[in-house]
Protein backbone atom coordinates (compact mmCIF):
# COMPACT_ATOMS: atom_id res chain seq x y z
CA MET A 1 0.00 0.00 0.00
CA MET A 2 1.27 3.47 -0.82
CA ALA A 3 1.22 6.13 1.87
CA VAL A 4 0.80 9.72 0.65
CA HIS A 5 2.06 12.55 2.85
CA THR A 6 2.98 16.22 2.70
CA ALA A 7 6.51 16.59 1.32
CA SER A 8 9.01 19.20 2.44
CA LEU A 9 10.74 21.40 -0.11
CA GLU A 10 13.62 21.52 2.37
CA ASP A 11 14.27 17.81 1.69
CA PRO A 12 17.14 17.51 -0.83
CA ALA A 13 15.55 14.38 -2.35
CA VAL A 14 12.31 16.29 -3.05
CA ARG A 15 14.23 19.19 -4.56
CA ASP A 16 16.27 16.82 -6.73
CA LEU A 17 13.14 15.02 -7.95
CA ILE A 18 11.46 18.31 -8.89
CA ALA A 19 14.59 19.48 -10.73
CA TYR A 20 14.88 16.14 -12.55
CA HIS A 21 11.22 16.20 -13.56
CA GLN A 22 11.43 19.77 -14.87
CA GLN A 23 14.60 19.02 -16.85
CA ASP A 24 13.14 15.81 -18.29
CA MET A 25 9.91 17.54 -19.35
CA GLU A 26 11.88 20.35 -21.01
CA GLU A 27 13.90 17.79 -22.99
CA MET A 28 10.94 15.57 -23.97
CA SER A 29 8.29 18.21 -24.76
CA PRO A 30 7.98 20.19 -27.97
CA PRO A 31 9.49 23.69 -27.65
CA GLY A 32 7.28 26.11 -25.76
CA THR A 33 4.93 23.47 -24.33
CA SER A 34 6.39 22.73 -20.90
CA TRP A 35 5.44 24.99 -17.98
CA ALA A 36 6.23 24.38 -14.33
CA LEU A 37 6.53 26.30 -11.10
CA ASP A 38 10.07 26.60 -9.78
CA LEU A 39 10.82 26.03 -6.09
CA SER A 40 9.86 29.59 -5.19
CA GLY A 41 6.47 29.10 -6.86
CA LEU A 42 5.94 25.76 -5.16
CA SER A 43 6.74 27.19 -1.74
CA GLY A 44 3.77 29.57 -1.74
CA PRO A 45 1.11 29.25 0.96
CA SER A 46 -1.53 28.03 -1.50
CA VAL A 47 0.54 25.06 -2.75
CA THR A 48 0.86 21.67 -1.07
CA VAL A 49 3.54 19.30 -2.35
CA LEU A 50 2.73 15.62 -1.79
CA GLY A 51 5.08 12.67 -1.66
CA ALA A 52 4.70 8.93 -1.44
């Protein structure tokens, strides 16, 4: 069973995963079609980052 929980952007593993995902999407998507919040955008009070 998978347990879902709130993830911390202070966790280096979470930061690395977000960076990897953004880089991979940039490389795999057609030009101009990949949009993502950076860490400052994800750290806003209205955003919850989940992990499993």
